[in-house]
Amino acid sequence: MATLINIGIVIGTFLAMEGVAWLTHKYIMHGVFWFLHKDHHQKDHDDFLERNDFFFLIFAIPGIVCLALGNFYDYRIALYIGIGITLYGFCYFLVHDIFIHQRFKIFRNTDNWYFKAIRRAHKMHHKHINKQDGECFGMLWVPFKYFLESKKTKTI
């Protein structure tokens, strides 16, 4: 039973992180921390790294703290929350940085309706280059219309 509860904590944390990502993207990254996020929307350099990459470090801190509390002080719930946060961060990196923005030239082509929908939604997000009037702030779950659109355009 404890194993199922621990798995539930990991999955629940992972799912909750999509909401956290949406909220922080919309209100923090496109708000007070726009100065760090701006170069992700308005390319003003040719460097591999962006100021926006500081968010990777900022968002890793809660996961690291939870993992440390779980490992060093035996707070098991914190450990499983830290695992959920870390798994979400890893998936976010794979989807956002590798699949969508192609920072590494792999996973370029897909005919999968889910991946096509999240790529299209993120493209719509980047249509707006300023911090105002943005849309599609989620990463792994996007408005339903993009899923429907991608199912209609599936190659047979």
Foldseek 3Di string as FASTA:
>chain_A
DVVVVLVVLLVVLLVVVLVVQLCCQQDPCLHPVVVQVLCVLVVPDDDLDGSVCVVLVVLLVQLVVLCCCCPVVVPSSSNSSSNSSVVNSVVQCCLPVCAQVNSDVPVPDDLDLQSQLLNVLVVQQSVDSHSPPGAFSGHNDGDPVSSVVSVVPRDD
